[in-house]
Amino acid sequence: MFENSRAFPGVSTDDVAASKEFYADRLGLTVTDTMGGIDVELPGGAHLFVYEKPNHEPSSYTFLNFGVEDIDAAVDELRAAGVETKIYSDEDFPTDSRGIARGLGGGPDIAWFKDPSGNVLAVLADPGPDA
């Protein structure tokens, strides 16, 4: 049924212009205007469609993860770009002063952050497919 289709995830925003600036200028991704929203080219070739929704409600979960080899360097780059990585209280998710949860629940080191519409993203330590 879908073998010849192009699948891509989407997420809503309350401000396409602010989202475009965030994904392009702060995260350094390629962003193109399309279908009344934006297409964000993700590492590895996947694409994310960000569209404006009048009654937008931010995701209450991590909708997009970026696996990185060096989480400390990734957090440094995010913070240098003005992205806040300590978004949860330590009662919810214990993190260090930079917002990195280290080995939480046996999982990878992870730092969460939000886009301008409050949707939750993360960078997480990812040793790659050969690990």
Protein backbone atom coordinates (compact mmCIF):
# COMPACT_ATOMS: atom_id res chain seq x y z
CA MET A 1 0.00 0.00 0.00
CA PHE A 2 2.69 2.55 0.99
CA GLU A 3 5.75 1.04 -0.67
CA ASN A 4 5.98 3.92 -3.16
CA SER A 5 5.11 6.72 -0.77
CA ARG A 6 7.32 9.20 1.04
CA ALA A 7 6.74 8.99 4.79
CA PHE A 8 7.67 11.84 7.12
CA PRO A 9 6.71 12.89 10.64
CA GLY A 10 5.06 16.19 11.42
CA VAL A 11 4.75 18.41 14.46
CA SER A 12 2.64 21.49 15.04
CA THR A 13 3.73 24.97 16.03
CA ASP A 14 2.01 28.21 16.92
CA ASP A 15 4.59 30.25 14.96
CA VAL A 16 6.12 28.92 11.74
CA ALA A 17 8.54 31.87 11.43
CA ALA A 18 9.95 31.30 14.93
CA SER A 19 10.23 27.56 14.23
CA LYS A 20 12.05 28.26 10.96
CA GLU A 21 14.57 30.48 12.78
CA PHE A 22 15.05 27.88 15.52
CA TYR A 23 15.62 24.86 13.28
CA ALA A 24 17.76 26.76 10.75
CA ASP A 25 19.72 29.27 12.80
CA ARG A 26 19.94 27.65 16.22
CA LEU A 27 20.15 23.98 15.24
CA GLY A 28 21.88 24.56 11.90
CA LEU A 29 19.52 22.38 9.86
CA THR A 30 18.39 22.98 6.28
CA VAL A 31 14.86 24.39 6.27
CA THR A 32 12.61 24.94 3.25
CA ASP A 33 9.18 26.57 3.05
CA THR A 34 6.59 24.05 1.88
CA MET A 35 2.86 23.29 2.06
CA GLY A 36 2.18 26.27 4.32
CA GLY A 37 4.80 25.16 6.84
CA ILE A 38 8.45 24.19 6.77
CA ASP A 39 10.39 21.09 5.80
CA VAL A 40 13.33 20.42 8.10
CA GLU A 41 16.03 18.17 6.67
CA LEU A 42 17.28 15.96 9.48
CA PRO A 43 20.69 14.29 9.74
CA GLY A 44 20.60 10.97 7.91
CA GLY A 45 18.22 12.22 5.22
CA ALA A 46 14.85 12.08 6.98
CA HIS A 47 12.55 15.10 6.92
CA LEU A 48 10.28 16.72 9.51
CA PHE A 49 7.23 18.78 8.50
CA VAL A 50 6.45 21.65 10.90
CA TYR A 51 3.02 23.20 10.40
CA GLU A 52 1.11 25.99 12.08
CA LYS A 53 -1.95 25.00 14.10
CA PRO A 54 -4.19 27.67 15.69
CA ASN A 55 -4.89 25.61 18.83
CA HIS A 56 -1.35 24.19 19.08
CA GLU A 57 -0.49 22.31 22.25
CA PRO A 58 3.18 21.43 22.79
CA SER A 59 4.19 17.78 22.77
CA SER A 60 4.23 16.28 26.25
CA TYR A 61 6.86 13.78 25.14
CA THR A 62 10.19 13.87 23.32
CA PHE A 63 9.10 13.96 19.68
CA LEU A 64 12.59 14.16 18.14
CA ASN A 65 15.95 12.77 19.30
CA PHE A 66 19.39 13.60 17.97
CA GLY A 67 21.89 10.82 18.68
CA VAL A 68 25.36 12.30 19.15
CA GLU A 69 28.80 10.88 19.86
CA ASP A 70 29.68 13.58 22.40
CA ILE A 71 26.72 14.81 24.42
CA ASP A 72 28.80 17.33 26.35
CA ALA A 73 29.95 18.99 23.11
CA ALA A 74 26.38 18.93 21.73
CA VAL A 75 25.03 20.61 24.88
CA ASP A 76 27.82 23.20 24.71
CA GLU A 77 26.81 24.00 21.11
CA LEU A 78 23.11 24.21 21.98
CA ARG A 79 23.77 26.51 24.91
CA ALA A 80 26.08 28.69 22.79
CA ALA A 81 23.18 29.02 20.32
CA GLY A 82 20.90 30.20 23.14
CA VAL A 83 19.03 26.92 23.61
CA GLU A 84 18.16 26.05 27.22
CA THR A 85 18.89 22.41 28.06
CA LYS A 86 17.81 22.30 31.70
CA ILE A 87 14.05 22.28 31.21
CA TYR A 88 12.90 19.85 33.90
CA SER A 89 13.09 20.08 37.66
CA ASP A 90 15.40 17.63 39.36
CA GLU A 91 12.37 16.06 41.00
CA ASP A 92 11.06 15.09 37.54
CA PHE A 93 14.38 14.18 35.91
CA PRO A 94 17.61 14.61 37.88
CA THR A 95 20.12 16.44 35.69
CA ASP A 96 23.41 18.19 36.21
CA SER A 97 23.67 21.99 36.05
CA ARG A 98 23.84 21.82 32.23
CA GLY A 99 20.67 19.77 31.94
CA ILE A 100 22.24 16.39 31.20
CA ALA A 101 20.67 13.33 32.80
CA ARG A 102 23.45 10.79 33.09
CA GLY A 103 22.40 7.14 32.87
CA LEU A 104 18.86 7.87 34.07
CA GLY A 105 17.06 4.56 34.53
CA GLY A 106 19.90 2.72 32.84
CA GLY A 107 19.39 4.70 29.62
CA PRO A 108 21.83 6.85 27.70
CA ASP A 109 22.99 10.28 28.83
CA ILE A 110 20.35 12.72 27.56
CA ALA A 111 19.56 16.43 27.57
CA TRP A 112 16.14 17.75 26.67
CA PHE A 113 15.29 21.11 25.16
CA LYS A 114 12.26 22.81 23.60
CA ASP A 115 11.52 24.49 20.31
CA PRO A 116 9.84 27.94 20.35
CA SER A 117 6.39 26.31 20.53
CA GLY A 118 7.30 24.17 23.55
CA ASN A 119 7.72 20.86 21.73
CA VAL A 120 10.32 18.65 23.42
CA LEU A 121 13.48 17.49 21.63
CA ALA A 122 16.59 15.79 22.96
CA VAL A 123 20.24 15.07 22.33
CA LEU A 124 21.39 11.74 23.63
CA ALA A 125 24.63 9.83 23.75
CA ASP A 126 24.56 7.39 20.85
CA PRO A 127 27.63 5.23 20.30
CA GLY A 128 26.43 4.37 16.80
CA PRO A 129 25.32 1.16 15.10
CA ASP A 130 28.58 -0.68 15.67
CA ALA A 131 28.45 -0.47 19.48
